């Protein structure tokens, strides 16, 4: 397969710059992967589409204020996007800077913080903060919400609330698991009230989620690693759902990747690095239904949903979404996709 197989034309005005008025006020496109049938719905309809026998799995990662601005000691401006916290005073980060700093060079951030480059690995820098014993607190105090590059406004207080799921609890992501942004507490309570079980995984979404695929030969593409954890309670909930004839509903591609990574040799609890690259031909082991947003052209996430529903179905669904003026990407509308049985 080639990269151009996953391209599509998107009018720029369909890229959502702000969230819907309320979390559940977005639209929902329901795609049946078997028949290819499409239905235009509203997001709260998802509750009636999910069976009391089903299990809904959510990614409880919490977005950190990962963007920092500062300067090198030579005066050059620096923008830092924290990729991963690795110690109480150390992070791996990407930098936007005219001349990359060398090992041992100091960077002054937020006028008073000092970070030193201790290592470099390609486009990533390992930084150590002076006099810091809690880097999460440091970022909360001095960082900014790391909105995606296609959102063109400066993050404000509303973004701090809306670029975060209502069930976020494990800090570490630098991008939101955006399918979960459509759920509010009332909708989750409605699912529980109808008997639908809810479980959690954690996958800390990295900045690599926005990195373009740079090779036309997809077989040679390497995924950026992201830390994940699947608890025993979730493994048990999956087994229970299967026994009662229910289906596993992953809310978001990050949830799906965590579950499928954990199921490489029979699903089991654990934590580690996920570098799972899902493209057409992949055999899904756990997830049978997927709630997801609309994804960028030529992205690994578009390849994932094409594997889940069939490339022809996804192409038709995206054409319909453009014609019907759905809102795209992180703050946009959603899909509920029923898995296509491999042929």
C-alpha atoms as a PDB file:
ATOM      1  CA  UNK A   1       0.000   0.000   0.000  1.00  0.00           C
ATOM      2  CA  UNK A   2       1.112   3.518  -0.750  1.00  0.00           C
ATOM      3  CA  UNK A   3       0.695   6.748   1.143  1.00  0.00           C
ATOM      4  CA  UNK A   4      -1.462   8.340  -1.545  1.00  0.00           C
ATOM      5  CA  UNK A   5      -4.068   5.598  -1.000  1.00  0.00           C
ATOM      6  CA  UNK A   6      -5.001   7.444   2.204  1.00  0.00           C
ATOM      7  CA  UNK A   7      -5.338  10.967   0.880  1.00  0.00           C
ATOM      8  CA  UNK A   8      -8.540  12.987   0.570  1.00  0.00           C
ATOM      9  CA  UNK A   9      -9.508  16.582  -0.119  1.00  0.00           C
ATOM     10  CA  UNK A  10     -10.707  18.590   2.887  1.00  0.00           C
ATOM     11  CA  UNK A  11     -11.907  22.190   2.649  1.00  0.00           C
ATOM     12  CA  UNK A  12      -9.959  24.164   5.298  1.00  0.00           C
ATOM     13  CA  UNK A  13     -13.141  25.686   6.713  1.00  0.00           C
ATOM     14  CA  UNK A  14     -14.231  22.215   7.912  1.00  0.00           C
ATOM     15  CA  UNK A  15     -11.300  22.013  10.351  1.00  0.00           C
ATOM     16  CA  UNK A  16     -12.924  22.768  13.709  1.00  0.00           C
ATOM     17  CA  UNK A  17     -11.138  25.589  15.523  1.00  0.00           C
ATOM     18  CA  UNK A  18     -13.275  25.494  18.658  1.00  0.00           C
ATOM     19  CA  UNK A  19     -15.316  22.755  20.347  1.00  0.00           C
ATOM     20  CA  UNK A  20     -19.072  22.469  20.101  1.00  0.00           C
ATOM     21  CA  UNK A  21     -21.101  24.559  22.532  1.00  0.00           C
ATOM     22  CA  UNK A  22     -21.539  21.533  24.776  1.00  0.00           C
ATOM     23  CA  UNK A  23     -19.541  18.308  24.797  1.00  0.00           C
ATOM     24  CA  UNK A  24     -22.400  16.197  23.482  1.00  0.00           C
ATOM     25  CA  UNK A  25     -23.582  18.759  20.918  1.00  0.00           C
ATOM     26  CA  UNK A  26     -21.464  17.339  18.105  1.00  0.00           C
ATOM     27  CA  UNK A  27     -22.746  15.214  15.248  1.00  0.00           C
ATOM     28  CA  UNK A  28     -22.253  11.458  14.941  1.00  0.00           C
ATOM     29  CA  UNK A  29     -21.786   9.537  11.707  1.00  0.00           C
ATOM     30  CA  UNK A  30     -22.636   5.856  12.172  1.00  0.00           C
ATOM     31  CA  UNK A  31     -20.802   3.526   9.781  1.00  0.00           C
ATOM     32  CA  UNK A  32     -21.662  -0.156   9.479  1.00  0.00           C
ATOM     33  CA  UNK A  33     -18.454  -1.794   8.316  1.00  0.00           C
ATOM     34  CA  UNK A  34     -20.284  -4.836   6.968  1.00  0.00           C
ATOM     35  CA  UNK A  35     -22.849  -3.112   4.756  1.00  0.00           C
ATOM     36  CA  UNK A  36     -21.209   0.293   4.343  1.00  0.00           C
ATOM     37  CA  UNK A  37     -24.463   1.940   5.454  1.00  0.00           C
ATOM     38  CA  UNK A  38     -24.125   5.482   6.809  1.00  0.00           C
ATOM     39  CA  UNK A  39     -26.481   7.270   9.195  1.00  0.00           C
ATOM     40  CA  UNK A  40     -26.346  10.921  10.252  1.00  0.00           C
ATOM     41  CA  UNK A  41     -27.050  11.228  13.972  1.00  0.00           C
ATOM     42  CA  UNK A  42     -26.335  13.400  16.991  1.00  0.00           C
ATOM     43  CA  UNK A  43     -23.698  12.307  19.489  1.00  0.00           C
ATOM     44  CA  UNK A  44     -26.104  11.491  22.367  1.00  0.00           C
ATOM     45  CA  UNK A  45     -27.576   8.815  20.061  1.00  0.00           C
ATOM     46  CA  UNK A  46     -24.452   6.781  20.791  1.00  0.00           C
ATOM     47  CA  UNK A  47     -26.082   5.581  24.033  1.00  0.00           C
ATOM     48  CA  UNK A  48     -28.947   3.931  22.161  1.00  0.00           C
ATOM     49  CA  UNK A  49     -26.517   2.305  19.729  1.00  0.00           C
ATOM     50  CA  UNK A  50     -24.433   0.765  22.530  1.00  0.00           C
ATOM     51  CA  UNK A  51     -25.972  -2.351  24.061  1.00  0.00           C
ATOM     52  CA  UNK A  52     -26.272  -2.997  27.826  1.00  0.00           C
ATOM     53  CA  UNK A  53     -24.243  -6.132  27.049  1.00  0.00           C
ATOM     54  CA  UNK A  54     -21.366  -4.098  25.635  1.00  0.00           C
ATOM     55  CA  UNK A  55     -18.230  -2.868  27.378  1.00  0.00           C
ATOM     56  CA  UNK A  56     -17.135   0.743  26.767  1.00  0.00           C
ATOM     57  CA  UNK A  57     -13.400   1.278  27.269  1.00  0.00           C
ATOM     58  CA  UNK A  58     -12.050   4.800  27.866  1.00  0.00           C
ATOM     59  CA  UNK A  59      -8.505   6.192  27.867  1.00  0.00           C
ATOM     60  CA  UNK A  60      -8.077   8.044  31.180  1.00  0.00           C
ATOM     61  CA  UNK A  61      -4.855   9.858  30.266  1.00  0.00           C
ATOM     62  CA  UNK A  62      -4.694  13.519  31.280  1.00  0.00           C
ATOM     63  CA  UNK A  63      -3.255  16.216  29.014  1.00  0.00           C
ATOM     64  CA  UNK A  64      -0.415  18.153  30.625  1.00  0.00           C
ATOM     65  CA  UNK A  65       0.443  21.779  29.853  1.00  0.00           C
ATOM     66  CA  UNK A  66       3.288  20.631  27.686  1.00  0.00           C
ATOM     67  CA  UNK A  67       4.159  23.788  25.728  1.00  0.00           C
ATOM     68  CA  UNK A  68       6.817  26.159  27.104  1.00  0.00           C
ATOM     69  CA  UNK A  69       8.457  29.262  25.673  1.00  0.00           C
ATOM     70  CA  UNK A  70      11.892  30.617  26.495  1.00  0.00           C
ATOM     71  CA  UNK A  71      15.277  31.538  25.120  1.00  0.00           C
ATOM     72  CA  UNK A  72      18.781  30.205  24.844  1.00  0.00           C
ATOM     73  CA  UNK A  73      21.519  31.949  26.787  1.00  0.00           C
ATOM     74  CA  UNK A  74      22.637  33.396  23.453  1.00  0.00           C
ATOM     75  CA  UNK A  75      19.239  35.078  23.123  1.00  0.00           C
ATOM     76  CA  UNK A  76      17.562  32.881  20.496  1.00  0.00           C
ATOM     77  CA  UNK A  77      13.882  32.120  21.043  1.00  0.00           C
ATOM     78  CA  UNK A  78      12.871  28.564  21.875  1.00  0.00           C
ATOM     79  CA  UNK A  79       9.493  26.819  21.880  1.00  0.00           C
ATOM     80  CA  UNK A  80       9.427  23.497  23.678  1.00  0.00           C
ATOM     81  CA  UNK A  81       6.829  20.753  23.419  1.00  0.00           C
ATOM     82  CA  UNK A  82       7.296  18.191  26.162  1.00  0.00           C
ATOM     83  CA  UNK A  83       6.932  14.702  24.743  1.00  0.00           C
ATOM     84  CA  UNK A  84       7.303  12.623  27.882  1.00  0.00           C
ATOM     85  CA  UNK A  85       8.099  13.054  31.564  1.00  0.00           C
ATOM     86  CA  UNK A  86      10.862  10.592  32.518  1.00  0.00           C
ATOM     87  CA  UNK A  87      11.823  11.732  36.022  1.00  0.00           C
ATOM     88  CA  UNK A  88      10.791  14.233  38.685  1.00  0.00           C
ATOM     89  CA  UNK A  89      13.016  16.824  37.003  1.00  0.00           C
ATOM     90  CA  UNK A  90      13.557  15.496  33.461  1.00  0.00           C
ATOM     91  CA  UNK A  91      11.592  15.331  30.199  1.00  0.00           C
ATOM     92  CA  UNK A  92      12.051  14.419  26.582  1.00  0.00           C
ATOM     93  CA  UNK A  93      10.918  17.299  24.367  1.00  0.00           C
ATOM     94  CA  UNK A  94      10.791  18.614  20.834  1.00  0.00           C
ATOM     95  CA  UNK A  95      12.109  22.104  20.145  1.00  0.00           C
ATOM     96  CA  UNK A  96      11.278  24.805  17.676  1.00  0.00           C
ATOM     97  CA  UNK A  97      14.500  26.825  17.484  1.00  0.00           C
ATOM     98  CA  UNK A  98      16.687  28.338  14.770  1.00  0.00           C
ATOM     99  CA  UNK A  99      19.867  26.609  15.961  1.00  0.00           C
ATOM    100  CA  UNK A 100      19.418  23.470  18.102  1.00  0.00           C
ATOM    101  CA  UNK A 101      21.152  23.722  21.482  1.00  0.00           C
ATOM    102  CA  UNK A 102      24.132  21.505  22.257  1.00  0.00           C
ATOM    103  CA  UNK A 103      24.511  19.070  25.121  1.00  0.00           C
ATOM    104  CA  UNK A 104      25.160  20.990  28.322  1.00  0.00           C
ATOM    105  CA  UNK A 105      23.576  24.207  27.028  1.00  0.00           C
ATOM    106  CA  UNK A 106      21.052  25.941  29.272  1.00  0.00           C
ATOM    107  CA  UNK A 107      17.654  27.274  28.254  1.00  0.00           C
ATOM    108  CA  UNK A 108      15.731  29.874  30.243  1.00  0.00           C
ATOM    109  CA  UNK A 109      11.978  29.214  30.320  1.00  0.00           C
ATOM    110  CA  UNK A 110       9.137  31.391  31.615  1.00  0.00           C
ATOM    111  CA  UNK A 111      11.820  33.967  32.587  1.00  0.00           C
ATOM    112  CA  UNK A 112      12.861  32.109  35.746  1.00  0.00           C
ATOM    113  CA  UNK A 113      13.167  28.393  34.979  1.00  0.00           C
ATOM    114  CA  UNK A 114      16.393  26.887  33.720  1.00  0.00           C
ATOM    115  CA  UNK A 115      16.594  23.615  31.807  1.00  0.00           C
ATOM    116  CA  UNK A 116      19.817  21.988  30.623  1.00  0.00           C
ATOM    117  CA  UNK A 117      20.170  19.762  27.577  1.00  0.00           C
ATOM    118  CA  UNK A 118      21.555  16.444  28.820  1.00  0.00           C
ATOM    119  CA  UNK A 119      21.024  14.299  25.710  1.00  0.00           C
ATOM    120  CA  UNK A 120      19.777  14.416  22.141  1.00  0.00           C
ATOM    121  CA  UNK A 121      18.148  11.688  20.072  1.00  0.00           C
ATOM    122  CA  UNK A 122      17.259  12.843  16.562  1.00  0.00           C
ATOM    123  CA  UNK A 123      14.620  15.551  16.896  1.00  0.00           C
ATOM    124  CA  UNK A 124      14.145  14.998  20.646  1.00  0.00           C
ATOM    125  CA  UNK A 125      16.046  16.592  23.524  1.00  0.00           C
ATOM    126  CA  UNK A 126      16.325  15.323  27.098  1.00  0.00           C
ATOM    127  CA  UNK A 127      16.056  18.310  29.436  1.00  0.00           C
ATOM    128  CA  UNK A 128      16.819  18.517  33.159  1.00  0.00           C
ATOM    129  CA  UNK A 129      15.135  21.328  35.140  1.00  0.00           C
ATOM    130  CA  UNK A 130      17.084  23.063  37.880  1.00  0.00           C
ATOM    131  CA  UNK A 131      15.671  22.925  41.412  1.00  0.00           C
ATOM    132  CA  UNK A 132      12.643  20.875  40.382  1.00  0.00           C
ATOM    133  CA  UNK A 133      11.145  17.977  42.312  1.00  0.00           C
ATOM    134  CA  UNK A 134       7.789  17.789  40.489  1.00  0.00           C
ATOM    135  CA  UNK A 135       7.869  18.475  36.776  1.00  0.00           C
ATOM    136  CA  UNK A 136       4.089  18.020  36.470  1.00  0.00           C
ATOM    137  CA  UNK A 137       3.558  20.893  38.924  1.00  0.00           C
ATOM    138  CA  UNK A 138       6.126  22.970  37.032  1.00  0.00           C
ATOM    139  CA  UNK A 139       4.293  22.463  33.755  1.00  0.00           C
ATOM    140  CA  UNK A 140       0.917  23.189  35.346  1.00  0.00           C
ATOM    141  CA  UNK A 141       2.251  26.493  36.667  1.00  0.00           C
ATOM    142  CA  UNK A 142       4.229  27.659  33.636  1.00  0.00           C
ATOM    143  CA  UNK A 143       3.116  25.674  30.589  1.00  0.00           C
ATOM    144  CA  UNK A 144       0.337  26.104  28.051  1.00  0.00           C
ATOM    145  CA  UNK A 145      -2.207  23.655  26.662  1.00  0.00           C
ATOM    146  CA  UNK A 146      -0.575  21.950  23.649  1.00  0.00           C
ATOM    147  CA  UNK A 147      -3.295  22.499  21.054  1.00  0.00           C
ATOM    148  CA  UNK A 148      -2.706  20.702  17.726  1.00  0.00           C
ATOM    149  CA  UNK A 149      -0.866  22.595  14.972  1.00  0.00           C
ATOM    150  CA  UNK A 150      -4.019  22.946  12.836  1.00  0.00           C
ATOM    151  CA  UNK A 151      -5.829  24.944  15.557  1.00  0.00           C
ATOM    152  CA  UNK A 152      -4.774  28.524  14.993  1.00  0.00           C
ATOM    153  CA  UNK A 153      -5.786  30.337  18.188  1.00  0.00           C
ATOM    154  CA  UNK A 154      -3.758  30.810  21.344  1.00  0.00           C
ATOM    155  CA  UNK A 155      -5.054  28.435  24.046  1.00  0.00           C
ATOM    156  CA  UNK A 156      -7.227  30.055  26.687  1.00  0.00           C
ATOM    157  CA  UNK A 157      -9.112  28.986  29.818  1.00  0.00           C
ATOM    158  CA  UNK A 158     -11.853  27.320  27.804  1.00  0.00           C
ATOM    159  CA  UNK A 159      -9.270  25.110  26.074  1.00  0.00           C
ATOM    160  CA  UNK A 160      -7.897  24.053  29.456  1.00  0.00           C
ATOM    161  CA  UNK A 161     -11.318  22.584  30.219  1.00  0.00           C
ATOM    162  CA  UNK A 162     -12.475  21.383  26.806  1.00  0.00           C
ATOM    163  CA  UNK A 163      -9.192  19.873  25.540  1.00  0.00           C
ATOM    164  CA  UNK A 164      -9.491  17.366  28.379  1.00  0.00           C
ATOM    165  CA  UNK A 165     -11.918  14.486  28.900  1.00  0.00           C
ATOM    166  CA  UNK A 166     -14.196  14.584  31.942  1.00  0.00           C
ATOM    167  CA  UNK A 167     -12.648  11.313  33.139  1.00  0.00           C
ATOM    168  CA  UNK A 168      -8.972  12.319  32.710  1.00  0.00           C
ATOM    169  CA  UNK A 169      -6.923  11.310  35.758  1.00  0.00           C
ATOM    170  CA  UNK A 170      -3.455  10.017  34.770  1.00  0.00           C
ATOM    171  CA  UNK A 171      -1.185  12.938  33.726  1.00  0.00           C
ATOM    172  CA  UNK A 172       1.174  12.374  30.836  1.00  0.00           C
ATOM    173  CA  UNK A 173      -0.454  13.055  27.448  1.00  0.00           C
ATOM    174  CA  UNK A 174       0.579  15.933  25.199  1.00  0.00           C
ATOM    175  CA  UNK A 175      -2.494  15.534  22.980  1.00  0.00           C
ATOM    176  CA  UNK A 176      -6.030  14.692  24.001  1.00  0.00           C
ATOM    177  CA  UNK A 177      -7.696  11.358  23.223  1.00  0.00           C
ATOM    178  CA  UNK A 178     -10.209  13.385  21.274  1.00  0.00           C
ATOM    179  CA  UNK A 179     -13.008  10.838  20.801  1.00  0.00           C
ATOM    180  CA  UNK A 180     -13.550  11.074  24.552  1.00  0.00           C
ATOM    181  CA  UNK A 181     -14.102  14.838  24.423  1.00  0.00           C
ATOM    182  CA  UNK A 182     -17.706  14.207  23.298  1.00  0.00           C
ATOM    183  CA  UNK A 183     -18.703  12.488  26.552  1.00  0.00           C
ATOM    184  CA  UNK A 184     -19.993  14.375  29.581  1.00  0.00           C
ATOM    185  CA  UNK A 185     -20.849  12.974  33.006  1.00  0.00           C
ATOM    186  CA  UNK A 186     -24.564  12.797  32.191  1.00  0.00           C
ATOM    187  CA  UNK A 187     -23.964  10.671  29.090  1.00  0.00           C
ATOM    188  CA  UNK A 188     -21.644   8.333  30.998  1.00  0.00           C
ATOM    189  CA  UNK A 189     -24.278   8.035  33.741  1.00  0.00           C
ATOM    190  CA  UNK A 190     -26.868   7.204  31.072  1.00  0.00           C
ATOM    191  CA  UNK A 191     -24.687   4.358  29.803  1.00  0.00           C
ATOM    192  CA  UNK A 192     -24.217   3.002  33.328  1.00  0.00           C
ATOM    193  CA  UNK A 193     -27.936   3.308  34.057  1.00  0.00           C
ATOM    194  CA  UNK A 194     -28.810   1.168  31.041  1.00  0.00           C
ATOM    195  CA  UNK A 195     -26.395  -1.500  32.280  1.00  0.00           C
ATOM    196  CA  UNK A 196     -23.435  -0.865  29.999  1.00  0.00           C
ATOM    197  CA  UNK A 197     -20.117  -1.605  31.720  1.00  0.00           C
ATOM    198  CA  UNK A 198     -17.277   0.940  31.556  1.00  0.00           C
ATOM    199  CA  UNK A 199     -13.572   0.205  31.944  1.00  0.00           C
ATOM    200  CA  UNK A 200     -10.330   2.151  31.502  1.00  0.00           C
ATOM    201  CA  UNK A 201      -6.904   1.946  29.958  1.00  0.00           C
ATOM    202  CA  UNK A 202      -4.163   4.555  29.902  1.00  0.00           C
ATOM    203  CA  UNK A 203      -2.198   5.546  26.827  1.00  0.00           C
ATOM    204  CA  UNK A 204      -0.227   8.778  27.031  1.00  0.00           C
ATOM    205  CA  UNK A 205      -0.699  10.341  23.611  1.00  0.00           C
ATOM    206  CA  UNK A 206       2.608  11.704  22.349  1.00  0.00           C
ATOM    207  CA  UNK A 207       3.457  14.546  20.018  1.00  0.00           C
ATOM    208  CA  UNK A 208       4.269  11.895  17.444  1.00  0.00           C
ATOM    209  CA  UNK A 209       0.528  11.569  16.819  1.00  0.00           C
ATOM    210  CA  UNK A 210       0.823  14.705  14.638  1.00  0.00           C
ATOM    211  CA  UNK A 211       4.015  13.640  12.846  1.00  0.00           C
ATOM    212  CA  UNK A 212       3.453  13.037   9.131  1.00  0.00           C
ATOM    213  CA  UNK A 213       4.200   9.695   7.503  1.00  0.00           C
ATOM    214  CA  UNK A 214       7.409  10.453   5.609  1.00  0.00           C
ATOM    215  CA  UNK A 215       7.686   7.370   3.419  1.00  0.00           C
ATOM    216  CA  UNK A 216       5.529   6.362   0.489  1.00  0.00           C
ATOM    217  CA  UNK A 217       6.176   2.703   1.271  1.00  0.00           C
ATOM    218  CA  UNK A 218       4.051   2.152   4.379  1.00  0.00           C
ATOM    219  CA  UNK A 219       5.830  -1.095   5.257  1.00  0.00           C
ATOM    220  CA  UNK A 220       8.910   0.938   6.192  1.00  0.00           C
ATOM    221  CA  UNK A 221       7.093   3.425   8.458  1.00  0.00           C
ATOM    222  CA  UNK A 222       8.099   3.325  12.137  1.00  0.00           C
ATOM    223  CA  UNK A 223       5.562   4.377  14.768  1.00  0.00           C
ATOM    224  CA  UNK A 224       6.533   6.699  17.586  1.00  0.00           C
ATOM    225  CA  UNK A 225       6.365   4.849  20.911  1.00  0.00           C
ATOM    226  CA  UNK A 226       3.698   5.758  23.487  1.00  0.00           C
ATOM    227  CA  UNK A 227       3.418   4.457  27.042  1.00  0.00           C
ATOM    228  CA  UNK A 228       0.304   2.432  27.843  1.00  0.00           C
ATOM    229  CA  UNK A 229      -1.211   0.445  30.689  1.00  0.00           C
ATOM    230  CA  UNK A 230      -4.064  -2.072  30.684  1.00  0.00           C
ATOM    231  CA  UNK A 231      -5.156  -3.013  34.231  1.00  0.00           C
ATOM    232  CA  UNK A 232      -6.374  -6.444  35.268  1.00  0.00           C
ATOM    233  CA  UNK A 233      -9.840  -5.016  35.980  1.00  0.00           C
ATOM    234  CA  UNK A 234     -10.182  -4.117  32.307  1.00  0.00           C
ATOM    235  CA  UNK A 235      -8.967  -7.521  31.147  1.00  0.00           C
ATOM    236  CA  UNK A 236     -11.575  -9.110  33.421  1.00  0.00           C
ATOM    237  CA  UNK A 237     -14.289  -6.754  32.117  1.00  0.00           C
ATOM    238  CA  UNK A 238     -13.445  -7.719  28.522  1.00  0.00           C
ATOM    239  CA  UNK A 239     -13.727 -11.418  29.344  1.00  0.00           C
ATOM    240  CA  UNK A 240     -17.069 -10.814  31.068  1.00  0.00           C
ATOM    241  CA  UNK A 241     -18.418  -8.885  28.073  1.00  0.00           C
ATOM    242  CA  UNK A 242     -17.415 -11.659  25.698  1.00  0.00           C
ATOM    243  CA  UNK A 243     -19.089 -14.269  27.915  1.00  0.00           C
ATOM    244  CA  UNK A 244     -22.408 -12.402  27.936  1.00  0.00           C
ATOM    245  CA  UNK A 245     -22.365 -11.828  24.173  1.00  0.00           C
ATOM    246  CA  UNK A 246     -21.447  -8.150  24.340  1.00  0.00           C
ATOM    247  CA  UNK A 247     -18.963  -6.237  22.208  1.00  0.00           C
ATOM    248  CA  UNK A 248     -15.927  -4.178  23.175  1.00  0.00           C
ATOM    249  CA  UNK A 249     -16.417  -0.509  22.267  1.00  0.00           C
ATOM    250  CA  UNK A 250     -13.147   1.439  22.193  1.00  0.00           C
ATOM    251  CA  UNK A 251     -13.536   5.178  22.659  1.00  0.00           C
ATOM    252  CA  UNK A 252     -10.717   6.502  20.535  1.00  0.00           C
ATOM    253  CA  UNK A 253      -7.895   5.079  18.472  1.00  0.00           C
ATOM    254  CA  UNK A 254      -5.590   5.390  21.495  1.00  0.00           C
ATOM    255  CA  UNK A 255      -7.827   3.060  23.507  1.00  0.00           C
ATOM    256  CA  UNK A 256      -7.937   0.648  20.584  1.00  0.00           C
ATOM    257  CA  UNK A 257      -4.142   0.658  20.206  1.00  0.00           C
ATOM    258  CA  UNK A 258      -3.631   0.030  23.926  1.00  0.00           C
ATOM    259  CA  UNK A 259      -6.029  -2.930  23.891  1.00  0.00           C
ATOM    260  CA  UNK A 260      -4.682  -4.422  20.694  1.00  0.00           C
ATOM    261  CA  UNK A 261      -1.089  -4.022  21.907  1.00  0.00           C
ATOM    262  CA  UNK A 262      -1.992  -5.862  25.100  1.00  0.00           C
ATOM    263  CA  UNK A 263      -3.654  -8.609  23.048  1.00  0.00           C
ATOM    264  CA  UNK A 264      -0.657  -9.466  20.881  1.00  0.00           C
ATOM    265  CA  UNK A 265      -0.524 -12.967  22.430  1.00  0.00           C
ATOM    266  CA  UNK A 266      -3.868 -13.192  24.215  1.00  0.00           C
ATOM    267  CA  UNK A 267      -5.003 -10.125  26.109  1.00  0.00           C
ATOM    268  CA  UNK A 268      -3.313  -9.696  29.461  1.00  0.00           C
ATOM    269  CA  UNK A 269      -2.772  -6.907  31.935  1.00  0.00           C
ATOM    270  CA  UNK A 270       0.455  -4.943  31.763  1.00  0.00           C
ATOM    271  CA  UNK A 271       2.217  -1.769  30.778  1.00  0.00           C
ATOM    272  CA  UNK A 272       4.881  -0.817  28.278  1.00  0.00           C
ATOM    273  CA  UNK A 273       5.535   0.898  24.974  1.00  0.00           C
ATOM    274  CA  UNK A 274       3.054   0.711  22.125  1.00  0.00           C
ATOM    275  CA  UNK A 275       4.506   1.086  18.653  1.00  0.00           C
ATOM    276  CA  UNK A 276       1.642  -0.778  17.024  1.00  0.00           C
ATOM    277  CA  UNK A 277       1.052   0.371  13.446  1.00  0.00           C
ATOM    278  CA  UNK A 278      -2.401  -0.702  12.259  1.00  0.00           C
ATOM    279  CA  UNK A 279      -3.120  -0.645   8.538  1.00  0.00           C
ATOM    280  CA  UNK A 280      -5.431  -2.625   6.245  1.00  0.00           C
ATOM    281  CA  UNK A 281      -4.777  -6.308   6.635  1.00  0.00           C
ATOM    282  CA  UNK A 282      -4.453  -6.131  10.410  1.00  0.00           C
ATOM    283  CA  UNK A 283      -6.525  -8.708  12.319  1.00  0.00           C
ATOM    284  CA  UNK A 284      -8.252  -7.127  15.313  1.00  0.00           C
ATOM    285  CA  UNK A 285      -8.237  -9.302  18.414  1.00  0.00           C
ATOM    286  CA  UNK A 286     -10.317  -7.358  20.951  1.00  0.00           C
ATOM    287  CA  UNK A 287     -12.152  -4.278  19.677  1.00  0.00           C
ATOM    288  CA  UNK A 288     -15.398  -4.650  17.719  1.00  0.00           C
ATOM    289  CA  UNK A 289     -16.795  -1.104  17.762  1.00  0.00           C
ATOM    290  CA  UNK A 290     -14.925   2.203  17.641  1.00  0.00           C
ATOM    291  CA  UNK A 291     -15.896   5.765  18.549  1.00  0.00           C
ATOM    292  CA  UNK A 292     -13.494   8.128  16.830  1.00  0.00           C
ATOM    293  CA  UNK A 293     -13.119  11.584  15.303  1.00  0.00           C
ATOM    294  CA  UNK A 294     -12.263  12.347  11.678  1.00  0.00           C
ATOM    295  CA  UNK A 295      -8.546  12.068  10.956  1.00  0.00           C
ATOM    296  CA  UNK A 296      -5.937  13.864   8.879  1.00  0.00           C
ATOM    297  CA  UNK A 297      -5.197  12.805   5.290  1.00  0.00           C
ATOM    298  CA  UNK A 298      -2.257  10.401   4.941  1.00  0.00           C
ATOM    299  CA  UNK A 299      -2.177   9.808   8.702  1.00  0.00           C
ATOM    300  CA  UNK A 300      -1.628   6.530  10.540  1.00  0.00           C
ATOM    301  CA  UNK A 301      -4.997   7.047  12.224  1.00  0.00           C
ATOM    302  CA  UNK A 302      -6.778   7.162   8.873  1.00  0.00           C
ATOM    303  CA  UNK A 303      -4.987   3.907   8.032  1.00  0.00           C
ATOM    304  CA  UNK A 304      -6.210   2.435  11.331  1.00  0.00           C
ATOM    305  CA  UNK A 305      -9.882   3.206  10.700  1.00  0.00           C
ATOM    306  CA  UNK A 306      -9.482   1.940   7.122  1.00  0.00           C
ATOM    307  CA  UNK A 307      -8.267  -1.361   8.561  1.00  0.00           C
ATOM    308  CA  UNK A 308     -11.216  -1.420  10.966  1.00  0.00           C
ATOM    309  CA  UNK A 309     -14.047  -0.626   8.559  1.00  0.00           C
ATOM    310  CA  UNK A 310     -12.553  -1.280   5.132  1.00  0.00           C
ATOM    311  CA  UNK A 311     -10.788   1.297   2.969  1.00  0.00           C
ATOM    312  CA  UNK A 312     -13.709   1.585   0.565  1.00  0.00           C
ATOM    313  CA  UNK A 313     -16.147   2.249   3.406  1.00  0.00           C
ATOM    314  CA  UNK A 314     -13.909   4.892   4.962  1.00  0.00           C
ATOM    315  CA  UNK A 315     -13.406   6.675   1.649  1.00  0.00           C
ATOM    316  CA  UNK A 316     -17.181   6.776   1.152  1.00  0.00           C
ATOM    317  CA  UNK A 317     -17.775   7.921   4.742  1.00  0.00           C
ATOM    318  CA  UNK A 318     -15.261  10.753   4.467  1.00  0.00           C
ATOM    319  CA  UNK A 319     -16.712  11.894   1.139  1.00  0.00           C
ATOM    320  CA  UNK A 320     -20.130  11.972   2.774  1.00  0.00           C
ATOM    321  CA  UNK A 321     -18.786  13.837   5.818  1.00  0.00           C
ATOM    322  CA  UNK A 322     -17.249  16.526   3.613  1.00  0.00           C
ATOM    323  CA  UNK A 323     -20.435  16.885   1.551  1.00  0.00           C
ATOM    324  CA  UNK A 324     -22.575  17.007   4.714  1.00  0.00           C
ATOM    325  CA  UNK A 325     -20.257  19.625   6.252  1.00  0.00           C
ATOM    326  CA  UNK A 326     -19.159  17.657   9.287  1.00  0.00           C
ATOM    327  CA  UNK A 327     -16.493  19.300  11.448  1.00  0.00           C
ATOM    328  CA  UNK A 328     -13.087  17.611  11.336  1.00  0.00           C
ATOM    329  CA  UNK A 329     -10.180  16.769  13.654  1.00  0.00           C
ATOM    330  CA  UNK A 330      -9.700  17.254  17.404  1.00  0.00           C
ATOM    331  CA  UNK A 331     -12.578  19.655  18.110  1.00  0.00           C
ATOM    332  CA  UNK A 332     -14.750  18.198  15.372  1.00  0.00           C
ATOM    333  CA  UNK A 333     -17.554  15.658  15.067  1.00  0.00           C
ATOM    334  CA  UNK A 334     -17.397  11.897  15.650  1.00  0.00           C
ATOM    335  CA  UNK A 335     -18.036   8.503  14.106  1.00  0.00           C
ATOM    336  CA  UNK A 336     -19.233   5.223  15.553  1.00  0.00           C
ATOM    337  CA  UNK A 337     -17.761   2.459  13.390  1.00  0.00           C
ATOM    338  CA  UNK A 338     -18.844  -1.180  13.414  1.00  0.00           C
ATOM    339  CA  UNK A 339     -15.937  -3.469  12.535  1.00  0.00           C
ATOM    340  CA  UNK A 340     -15.871  -5.111   9.135  1.00  0.00           C
ATOM    341  CA  UNK A 341     -15.325  -8.870   9.123  1.00  0.00           C
ATOM    342  CA  UNK A 342     -12.158  -9.702   7.161  1.00  0.00           C
ATOM    343  CA  UNK A 343     -12.886 -11.078   3.724  1.00  0.00           C
END
